[in-house]
Amino acid sequence: MEAEVDKLELMKNPVTLLKELSVIKSRYQTLYARFKPVAVEQKETKSRICATVNKTMNMIQKLQKQTDLELSPLTKEEKTAAEQFKFHMPDL
């Protein structure tokens, strides 16, 4: 009930509303500045992981061709893990 009163008071007093919006904007900008580098690093890390996995898969395929070997079919657990990996790494 108290939160509703605060909302009503804010709506009645535009100056207070603008101050509150300014505080919210400032908090958002602070959080954005703090987490932007984390998001960039996460994206770069994901790209490096995808590149490494792609290189590894290509190397395995080349080795299979050179040695005329084939892998046995994936187990149920391996298939589930591969599906989950592809879900989280759609770039592969």
PDB file of N, CA and C in Angstrom:
ATOM      1  N   MET A   1       0.828  -1.185   0.000  1.00  0.00           N
ATOM      2  CA  MET A   1       0.000   0.000   0.000  1.00  0.00           C
ATOM      3  C   MET A   1       0.872   1.248   0.000  1.00  0.00           C
ATOM      4  N   GLU A   2       1.974   1.187   0.745  1.00  0.00           N
ATOM      5  CA  GLU A   2       2.859   2.338   0.833  1.00  0.00           C
ATOM      6  C   GLU A   2       3.489   2.668  -0.513  1.00  0.00           C
ATOM      7  N   ALA A   3       3.838   1.649  -1.290  1.00  0.00           N
ATOM      8  CA  ALA A   3       4.417   1.864  -2.610  1.00  0.00           C
ATOM      9  C   ALA A   3       3.425   2.565  -3.529  1.00  0.00           C
ATOM     10  N   GLU A   4       2.158   2.213  -3.410  1.00  0.00           N
ATOM     11  CA  GLU A   4       1.136   2.866  -4.222  1.00  0.00           C
ATOM     12  C   GLU A   4       1.022   4.345  -3.870  1.00  0.00           C
ATOM     13  N   VAL A   5       1.122   4.665  -2.609  1.00  0.00           N
ATOM     14  CA  VAL A   5       1.073   6.063  -2.173  1.00  0.00           C
ATOM     15  C   VAL A   5       2.253   6.808  -2.768  1.00  0.00           C
ATOM     16  N   ASP A   6       3.438   6.219  -2.708  1.00  0.00           N
ATOM     17  CA  ASP A   6       4.620   6.860  -3.274  1.00  0.00           C
ATOM     18  C   ASP A   6       4.430   7.110  -4.768  1.00  0.00           C
ATOM     19  N   LYS A   7       3.861   6.168  -5.468  1.00  0.00           N
ATOM     20  CA  LYS A   7       3.616   6.338  -6.902  1.00  0.00           C
ATOM     21  C   LYS A   7       2.642   7.482  -7.146  1.00  0.00           C
ATOM     22  N   LEU A   8       1.615   7.537  -6.348  1.00  0.00           N
ATOM     23  CA  LEU A   8       0.636   8.622  -6.502  1.00  0.00           C
ATOM     24  C   LEU A   8       1.273   9.974  -6.224  1.00  0.00           C
ATOM     25  N   GLU A   9       2.102  10.022  -5.189  1.00  0.00           N
ATOM     26  CA  GLU A   9       2.775  11.271  -4.863  1.00  0.00           C
ATOM     27  C   GLU A   9       3.705  11.698  -5.996  1.00  0.00           C
ATOM     28  N   LEU A  10       4.397  10.732  -6.567  1.00  0.00           N
ATOM     29  CA  LEU A  10       5.287  11.038  -7.682  1.00  0.00           C
ATOM     30  C   LEU A  10       4.513  11.587  -8.877  1.00  0.00           C
ATOM     31  N   MET A  11       3.354  11.009  -9.131  1.00  0.00           N
ATOM     32  CA  MET A  11       2.545  11.460 -10.261  1.00  0.00           C
ATOM     33  C   MET A  11       1.993  12.869 -10.017  1.00  0.00           C
ATOM     34  N   LYS A  12       1.728  13.181  -8.763  1.00  0.00           N
ATOM     35  CA  LYS A  12       1.189  14.498  -8.431  1.00  0.00           C
ATOM     36  C   LYS A  12       2.256  15.578  -8.523  1.00  0.00           C
ATOM     37  N   ASN A  13       3.484  15.201  -8.242  1.00  0.00           N
ATOM     38  CA  ASN A  13       4.569  16.175  -8.195  1.00  0.00           C
ATOM     39  C   ASN A  13       5.585  15.862  -9.301  1.00  0.00           C
ATOM     40  N   PRO A  14       5.484  16.515 -10.456  1.00  0.00           N
ATOM     41  CA  PRO A  14       6.372  16.231 -11.582  1.00  0.00           C
ATOM     42  C   PRO A  14       7.846  16.481 -11.269  1.00  0.00           C
ATOM     43  N   VAL A  15       8.148  17.425 -10.412  1.00  0.00           N
ATOM     44  CA  VAL A  15       9.546  17.707 -10.064  1.00  0.00           C
ATOM     45  C   VAL A  15      10.151  16.501  -9.343  1.00  0.00           C
ATOM     46  N   THR A  16       9.417  15.948  -8.411  1.00  0.00           N
ATOM     47  CA  THR A  16       9.884  14.763  -7.698  1.00  0.00           C
ATOM     48  C   THR A  16      10.039  13.593  -8.667  1.00  0.00           C
ATOM     49  N   LEU A  17       9.107  13.463  -9.569  1.00  0.00           N
ATOM     50  CA  LEU A  17       9.176  12.397 -10.570  1.00  0.00           C
ATOM     51  C   LEU A  17      10.426  12.546 -11.423  1.00  0.00           C
ATOM     52  N   LEU A  18      10.722  13.744 -11.865  1.00  0.00           N
ATOM     53  CA  LEU A  18      11.918  13.980 -12.679  1.00  0.00           C
ATOM     54  C   LEU A  18      13.193  13.672 -11.894  1.00  0.00           C
ATOM     55  N   LYS A  19      13.194  14.015 -10.609  1.00  0.00           N
ATOM     56  CA  LYS A  19      14.357  13.704  -9.771  1.00  0.00           C
ATOM     57  C   LYS A  19      14.545  12.197  -9.654  1.00  0.00           C
ATOM     58  N   GLU A  20      13.444  11.492  -9.431  1.00  0.00           N
ATOM     59  CA  GLU A  20      13.513  10.028  -9.321  1.00  0.00           C
ATOM     60  C   GLU A  20      13.990   9.407 -10.635  1.00  0.00           C
ATOM     61  N   LEU A  21      13.481   9.923 -11.740  1.00  0.00           N
ATOM     62  CA  LEU A  21      13.918   9.408 -13.043  1.00  0.00           C
ATOM     63  C   LEU A  21      15.402   9.681 -13.268  1.00  0.00           C
ATOM     64  N   SER A  22      15.870  10.812 -12.815  1.00  0.00           N
ATOM     65  CA  SER A  22      17.282  11.158 -12.933  1.00  0.00           C
ATOM     66  C   SER A  22      18.143  10.198 -12.117  1.00  0.00           C
ATOM     67  N   VAL A  23      17.677   9.853 -10.917  1.00  0.00           N
ATOM     68  CA  VAL A  23      18.401   8.898 -10.074  1.00  0.00           C
ATOM     69  C   VAL A  23      18.440   7.532 -10.757  1.00  0.00           C
ATOM     70  N   ILE A  24      17.312   7.119 -11.299  1.00  0.00           N
ATOM     71  CA  ILE A  24      17.244   5.822 -11.991  1.00  0.00           C
ATOM     72  C   ILE A  24      18.179   5.814 -13.186  1.00  0.00           C
ATOM     73  N   LYS A  25      18.183   6.882 -13.944  1.00  0.00           N
ATOM     74  CA  LYS A  25      19.062   6.985 -15.119  1.00  0.00           C
ATOM     75  C   LYS A  25      20.524   6.905 -14.695  1.00  0.00           C
ATOM     76  N   SER A  26      20.866   7.579 -13.636  1.00  0.00           N
ATOM     77  CA  SER A  26      22.239   7.564 -13.141  1.00  0.00           C
ATOM     78  C   SER A  26      22.647   6.155 -12.714  1.00  0.00           C
ATOM     79  N   ARG A  27      21.765   5.466 -12.016  1.00  0.00           N
ATOM     80  CA  ARG A  27      22.052   4.085 -11.596  1.00  0.00           C
ATOM     81  C   ARG A  27      22.230   3.177 -12.811  1.00  0.00           C
ATOM     82  N   TYR A  28      21.373   3.349 -13.797  1.00  0.00           N
ATOM     83  CA  TYR A  28      21.479   2.541 -15.019  1.00  0.00           C
ATOM     84  C   TYR A  28      22.824   2.790 -15.700  1.00  0.00           C
ATOM     85  N   GLN A  29      23.207   4.053 -15.820  1.00  0.00           N
ATOM     86  CA  GLN A  29      24.475   4.382 -16.474  1.00  0.00           C
ATOM     87  C   GLN A  29      25.661   3.801 -15.717  1.00  0.00           C
ATOM     88  N   THR A  30      25.589   3.839 -14.396  1.00  0.00           N
ATOM     89  CA  THR A  30      26.658   3.263 -13.580  1.00  0.00           C
ATOM     90  C   THR A  30      26.754   1.761 -13.796  1.00  0.00           C
ATOM     91  N   LEU A  31      25.611   1.083 -13.764  1.00  0.00           N
ATOM     92  CA  LEU A  31      25.607  -0.372 -13.990  1.00  0.00           C
ATOM     93  C   LEU A  31      26.068  -0.718 -15.402  1.00  0.00           C
ATOM     94  N   TYR A  32      25.618   0.052 -16.367  1.00  0.00           N
ATOM     95  CA  TYR A  32      26.021  -0.185 -17.758  1.00  0.00           C
ATOM     96  C   TYR A  32      27.536  -0.046 -17.890  1.00  0.00           C
ATOM     97  N   ALA A  33      28.086   1.013 -17.320  1.00  0.00           N
ATOM     98  CA  ALA A  33      29.534   1.229 -17.396  1.00  0.00           C
ATOM     99  C   ALA A  33      30.299   0.099 -16.714  1.00  0.00           C
ATOM    100  N   ARG A  34      29.736  -0.427 -15.637  1.00  0.00           N
ATOM    101  CA  ARG A  34      30.402  -1.496 -14.903  1.00  0.00           C
ATOM    102  C   ARG A  34      30.360  -2.824 -15.657  1.00  0.00           C
ATOM    103  N   PHE A  35      29.229  -3.118 -16.291  1.00  0.00           N
ATOM    104  CA  PHE A  35      29.059  -4.430 -16.917  1.00  0.00           C
ATOM    105  C   PHE A  35      29.369  -4.473 -18.411  1.00  0.00           C
ATOM    106  N   LYS A  36      29.520  -3.346 -19.049  1.00  0.00           N
ATOM    107  CA  LYS A  36      29.846  -3.321 -20.476  1.00  0.00           C
ATOM    108  C   LYS A  36      31.149  -4.079 -20.762  1.00  0.00           C
ATOM    109  N   PRO A  37      32.236  -3.806 -20.010  1.00  0.00           N
ATOM    110  CA  PRO A  37      33.471  -4.565 -20.270  1.00  0.00           C
ATOM    111  C   PRO A  37      33.300  -6.068 -20.062  1.00  0.00           C
ATOM    112  N   VAL A  38      32.490  -6.448 -19.098  1.00  0.00           N
ATOM    113  CA  VAL A  38      32.247  -7.873 -18.844  1.00  0.00           C
ATOM    114  C   VAL A  38      31.551  -8.504 -20.048  1.00  0.00           C
ATOM    115  N   ALA A  39      30.560  -7.812 -20.590  1.00  0.00           N
ATOM    116  CA  ALA A  39      29.828  -8.328 -21.746  1.00  0.00           C
ATOM    117  C   ALA A  39      30.746  -8.449 -22.959  1.00  0.00           C
ATOM    118  N   VAL A  40      31.606  -7.460 -23.160  1.00  0.00           N
ATOM    119  CA  VAL A  40      32.541  -7.493 -24.290  1.00  0.00           C
ATOM    120  C   VAL A  40      33.511  -8.663 -24.132  1.00  0.00           C
ATOM    121  N   GLU A  41      34.050  -8.829 -22.937  1.00  0.00           N
ATOM    122  CA  GLU A  41      34.976  -9.930 -22.688  1.00  0.00           C
ATOM    123  C   GLU A  41      34.299 -11.286 -22.864  1.00  0.00           C
ATOM    124  N   GLN A  42      33.057 -11.385 -22.408  1.00  0.00           N
ATOM    125  CA  GLN A  42      32.314 -12.637 -22.554  1.00  0.00           C
ATOM    126  C   GLN A  42      32.118 -12.974 -24.029  1.00  0.00           C
ATOM    127  N   LYS A  43      31.784 -11.965 -24.826  1.00  0.00           N
ATOM    128  CA  LYS A  43      31.581 -12.184 -26.263  1.00  0.00           C
ATOM    129  C   LYS A  43      32.887 -12.614 -26.945  1.00  0.00           C
ATOM    130  N   GLU A  44      33.993 -11.965 -26.569  1.00  0.00           N
ATOM    131  CA  GLU A  44      35.290 -12.332 -27.137  1.00  0.00           C
ATOM    132  C   GLU A  44      35.684 -13.752 -26.744  1.00  0.00           C
ATOM    133  N   THR A  45      35.446 -14.101 -25.500  1.00  0.00           N
ATOM    134  CA  THR A  45      35.768 -15.449 -25.025  1.00  0.00           C
ATOM    135  C   THR A  45      34.948 -16.489 -25.771  1.00  0.00           C
ATOM    136  N   LYS A  46      33.670 -16.201 -25.956  1.00  0.00           N
ATOM    137  CA  LYS A  46      32.798 -17.121 -26.685  1.00  0.00           C
ATOM    138  C   LYS A  46      33.297 -17.296 -28.114  1.00  0.00           C
ATOM    139  N   SER A  47      33.722 -16.220 -28.741  1.00  0.00           N
ATOM    140  CA  SER A  47      34.249 -16.312 -30.110  1.00  0.00           C
ATOM    141  C   SER A  47      35.511 -17.166 -30.158  1.00  0.00           C
ATOM    142  N   ARG A  48      36.403 -16.981 -29.181  1.00  0.00           N
ATOM    143  CA  ARG A  48      37.627 -17.788 -29.149  1.00  0.00           C
ATOM    144  C   ARG A  48      37.305 -19.263 -28.928  1.00  0.00           C
ATOM    145  N   ILE A  49      36.349 -19.553 -28.061  1.00  0.00           N
ATOM    146  CA  ILE A  49      35.957 -20.945 -27.820  1.00  0.00           C
ATOM    147  C   ILE A  49      35.405 -21.558 -29.105  1.00  0.00           C
ATOM    148  N   CYS A  50      34.531 -20.819 -29.783  1.00  0.00           N
ATOM    149  CA  CYS A  50      33.949 -21.330 -31.035  1.00  0.00           C
ATOM    150  C   CYS A  50      35.038 -21.585 -32.069  1.00  0.00           C
ATOM    151  N   ALA A  51      35.989 -20.673 -32.187  1.00  0.00           N
ATOM    152  CA  ALA A  51      37.078 -20.846 -33.159  1.00  0.00           C
ATOM    153  C   ALA A  51      37.915 -22.076 -32.810  1.00  0.00           C
ATOM    154  N   THR A  52      38.197 -22.266 -31.534  1.00  0.00           N
ATOM    155  CA  THR A  52      38.984 -23.419 -31.111  1.00  0.00           C
ATOM    156  C   THR A  52      38.245 -24.723 -31.379  1.00  0.00           C
ATOM    157  N   VAL A  53      36.957 -24.751 -31.079  1.00  0.00           N
ATOM    158  CA  VAL A  53      36.164 -25.960 -31.318  1.00  0.00           C
ATOM    159  C   VAL A  53      36.112 -26.255 -32.822  1.00  0.00           C
ATOM    160  N   ASN A  54      35.911 -25.234 -33.630  1.00  0.00           N
ATOM    161  CA  ASN A  54      35.878 -25.443 -35.089  1.00  0.00           C
ATOM    162  C   ASN A  54      37.203 -25.984 -35.601  1.00  0.00           C
ATOM    163  N   LYS A  55      38.317 -25.418 -35.130  1.00  0.00           N
ATOM    164  CA  LYS A  55      39.639 -25.914 -35.549  1.00  0.00           C
ATOM    165  C   LYS A  55      39.829 -27.363 -35.130  1.00  0.00           C
ATOM    166  N   THR A  56      39.421 -27.665 -33.906  1.00  0.00           N
ATOM    167  CA  THR A  56      39.557 -29.029 -33.395  1.00  0.00           C
ATOM    168  C   THR A  56      38.734 -30.011 -34.220  1.00  0.00           C
ATOM    169  N   MET A  57      37.500 -29.622 -34.545  1.00  0.00           N
ATOM    170  CA  MET A  57      36.645 -30.504 -35.341  1.00  0.00           C
ATOM    171  C   MET A  57      37.231 -30.710 -36.737  1.00  0.00           C
ATOM    172  N   ASN A  58      37.758 -29.660 -37.343  1.00  0.00           N
ATOM    173  CA  ASN A  58      38.387 -29.796 -38.658  1.00  0.00           C
ATOM    174  C   ASN A  58      39.603 -30.707 -38.596  1.00  0.00           C
ATOM    175  N   MET A  59      40.395 -30.573 -37.551  1.00  0.00           N
ATOM    176  CA  MET A  59      41.578 -31.416 -37.388  1.00  0.00           C
ATOM    177  C   MET A  59      41.178 -32.878 -37.232  1.00  0.00           C
ATOM    178  N   ILE A  60      40.147 -33.126 -36.457  1.00  0.00           N
ATOM    179  CA  ILE A  60      39.673 -34.503 -36.262  1.00  0.00           C
ATOM    180  C   ILE A  60      39.199 -35.090 -37.592  1.00  0.00           C
ATOM    181  N   GLN A  61      38.459 -34.313 -38.359  1.00  0.00           N
ATOM    182  CA  GLN A  61      37.970 -34.793 -39.653  1.00  0.00           C
ATOM    183  C   GLN A  61      39.126 -35.102 -40.606  1.00  0.00           C
ATOM    184  N   LYS A  62      40.142 -34.252 -40.619  1.00  0.00           N
ATOM    185  CA  LYS A  62      41.310 -34.506 -41.476  1.00  0.00           C
ATOM    186  C   LYS A  62      42.038 -35.769 -41.045  1.00  0.00           C
ATOM    187  N   LEU A  63      42.203 -35.945 -39.732  1.00  0.00           N
ATOM    188  CA  LEU A  63      42.868 -37.146 -39.223  1.00  0.00           C
ATOM    189  C   LEU A  63      42.070 -38.407 -39.559  1.00  0.00           C
ATOM    190  N   GLN A  64      40.744 -38.310 -39.470  1.00  0.00           N
ATOM    191  CA  GLN A  64      39.907 -39.461 -39.815  1.00  0.00           C
ATOM    192  C   GLN A  64      40.083 -39.835 -41.281  1.00  0.00           C
ATOM    193  N   LYS A  65      40.138 -38.834 -42.140  1.00  0.00           N
ATOM    194  CA  LYS A  65      40.315 -39.106 -43.576  1.00  0.00           C
ATOM    195  C   LYS A  65      41.684 -39.709 -43.857  1.00  0.00           C
ATOM    196  N   GLN A  66      42.718 -39.176 -43.202  1.00  0.00           N
ATOM    197  CA  GLN A  66      44.078 -39.672 -43.420  1.00  0.00           C
ATOM    198  C   GLN A  66      44.263 -41.095 -42.930  1.00  0.00           C
ATOM    199  N   THR A  67      43.577 -41.451 -41.871  1.00  0.00           N
ATOM    200  CA  THR A  67      43.766 -42.775 -41.279  1.00  0.00           C
ATOM    201  C   THR A  67      42.653 -43.743 -41.640  1.00  0.00           C
ATOM    202  N   ASP A  68      41.675 -43.279 -42.396  1.00  0.00           N
ATOM    203  CA  ASP A  68      40.517 -44.099 -42.766  1.00  0.00           C
ATOM    204  C   ASP A  68      39.788 -44.646 -41.537  1.00  0.00           C
ATOM    205  N   LEU A  69      39.773 -43.869 -40.463  1.00  0.00           N
ATOM    206  CA  LEU A  69      39.068 -44.265 -39.250  1.00  0.00           C
ATOM    207  C   LEU A  69      37.787 -43.450 -39.116  1.00  0.00           C
ATOM    208  N   GLU A  70      36.817 -44.046 -38.491  1.00  0.00           N
ATOM    209  CA  GLU A  70      35.580 -43.344 -38.202  1.00  0.00           C
ATOM    210  C   GLU A  70      35.257 -43.517 -36.733  1.00  0.00           C
ATOM    211  N   LEU A  71      34.641 -42.501 -36.182  1.00  0.00           N
ATOM    212  CA  LEU A  71      34.234 -42.588 -34.782  1.00  0.00           C
ATOM    213  C   LEU A  71      32.994 -43.447 -34.652  1.00  0.00           C
ATOM    214  N   SER A  72      32.892 -44.119 -33.530  1.00  0.00           N
ATOM    215  CA  SER A  72      31.675 -44.876 -33.269  1.00  0.00           C
ATOM    216  C   SER A  72      30.543 -43.877 -33.007  1.00  0.00           C
ATOM    217  N   PRO A  73      29.297 -44.300 -33.204  1.00  0.00           N
ATOM    218  CA  PRO A  73      28.168 -43.389 -32.961  1.00  0.00           C
ATOM    219  C   PRO A  73      28.188 -42.848 -31.530  1.00  0.00           C
ATOM    220  N   LEU A  74      27.666 -41.650 -31.363  1.00  0.00           N
ATOM    221  CA  LEU A  74      27.635 -41.025 -30.044  1.00  0.00           C
ATOM    222  C   LEU A  74      26.670 -41.756 -29.122  1.00  0.00           C
ATOM    223  N   THR A  75      27.035 -41.783 -27.849  1.00  0.00           N
ATOM    224  CA  THR A  75      26.123 -42.342 -26.854  1.00  0.00           C
ATOM    225  C   THR A  75      25.005 -41.336 -26.612  1.00  0.00           C
ATOM    226  N   LYS A  76      23.984 -41.763 -25.890  1.00  0.00           N
ATOM    227  CA  LYS A  76      22.863 -40.872 -25.576  1.00  0.00           C
ATOM    228  C   LYS A  76      23.359 -39.641 -24.813  1.00  0.00           C
ATOM    229  N   GLU A  77      24.244 -39.869 -23.846  1.00  0.00           N
ATOM    230  CA  GLU A  77      24.783 -38.766 -23.045  1.00  0.00           C
ATOM    231  C   GLU A  77      25.584 -37.797 -23.912  1.00  0.00           C
ATOM    232  N   GLU A  78      26.374 -38.350 -24.841  1.00  0.00           N
ATOM    233  CA  GLU A  78      27.173 -37.503 -25.725  1.00  0.00           C
ATOM    234  C   GLU A  78      26.280 -36.675 -26.657  1.00  0.00           C
ATOM    235  N   LYS A  79      25.218 -37.291 -27.141  1.00  0.00           N
ATOM    236  CA  LYS A  79      24.280 -36.564 -28.001  1.00  0.00           C
ATOM    237  C   LYS A  79      23.627 -35.412 -27.231  1.00  0.00           C
ATOM    238  N   THR A  80      23.212 -35.689 -25.992  1.00  0.00           N
ATOM    239  CA  THR A  80      22.592 -34.653 -25.160  1.00  0.00           C
ATOM    240  C   THR A  80      23.571 -33.517 -24.917  1.00  0.00           C
ATOM    241  N   ALA A  81      24.818 -33.863 -24.599  1.00  0.00           N
ATOM    242  CA  ALA A  81      25.837 -32.837 -24.349  1.00  0.00           C
ATOM    243  C   ALA A  81      26.085 -32.014 -25.611  1.00  0.00           C
ATOM    244  N   ALA A  82      26.135 -32.664 -26.773  1.00  0.00           N
ATOM    245  CA  ALA A  82      26.362 -31.955 -28.038  1.00  0.00           C
ATOM    246  C   ALA A  82      25.207 -31.006 -28.345  1.00  0.00           C
ATOM    247  N   GLU A  83      23.990 -31.457 -28.096  1.00  0.00           N
ATOM    248  CA  GLU A  83      22.823 -30.599 -28.323  1.00  0.00           C
ATOM    249  C   GLU A  83      22.847 -29.377 -27.411  1.00  0.00           C
ATOM    250  N   GLN A  84      23.183 -29.596 -26.152  1.00  0.00           N
ATOM    251  CA  GLN A  84      23.256 -28.479 -25.203  1.00  0.00           C
ATOM    252  C   GLN A  84      24.363 -27.510 -25.596  1.00  0.00           C
ATOM    253  N   PHE A  85      25.484 -28.056 -26.037  1.00  0.00           N
ATOM    254  CA  PHE A  85      26.604 -27.217 -26.464  1.00  0.00           C
ATOM    255  C   PHE A  85      26.201 -26.370 -27.665  1.00  0.00           C
ATOM    256  N   LYS A  86      25.539 -26.978 -28.641  1.00  0.00           N
ATOM    257  CA  LYS A  86      25.112 -26.244 -29.833  1.00  0.00           C
ATOM    258  C   LYS A  86      24.075 -25.179 -29.485  1.00  0.00           C
ATOM    259  N   PHE A  87      23.227 -25.470 -28.488  1.00  0.00           N
ATOM    260  CA  PHE A  87      22.230 -24.491 -28.066  1.00  0.00           C
ATOM    261  C   PHE A  87      22.909 -23.241 -27.503  1.00  0.00           C
ATOM    262  N   HIS A  88      23.962 -23.461 -26.705  1.00  0.00           N
ATOM    263  CA  HIS A  88      24.654 -22.333 -26.078  1.00  0.00           C
ATOM    264  C   HIS A  88      25.682 -21.692 -26.999  1.00  0.00           C
ATOM    265  N   MET A  89      26.070 -22.405 -28.056  1.00  0.00           N
ATOM    266  CA  MET A  89      27.073 -21.889 -28.987  1.00  0.00           C
ATOM    267  C   MET A  89      26.530 -22.009 -30.419  1.00  0.00           C
ATOM    268  N   PRO A  90      25.503 -21.250 -30.759  1.00  0.00           N
ATOM    269  CA  PRO A  90      24.905 -21.384 -32.093  1.00  0.00           C
ATOM    270  C   PRO A  90      25.835 -20.978 -33.233  1.00  0.00           C
ATOM    271  N   ASP A  91      26.967 -20.319 -32.909  1.00  0.00           N
ATOM    272  CA  ASP A  91      27.890 -19.895 -33.948  1.00  0.00           C
ATOM    273  C   ASP A  91      28.652 -21.067 -34.556  1.00  0.00           C
ATOM    274  N   LEU A  92      28.587 -22.226 -33.919  1.00  0.00           N
ATOM    275  CA  LEU A  92      29.346 -23.385 -34.411  1.00  0.00           C
ATOM    276  C   LEU A  92      28.668 -24.018 -35.602  1.00  0.00           C
TER     277      LEU A  92
END
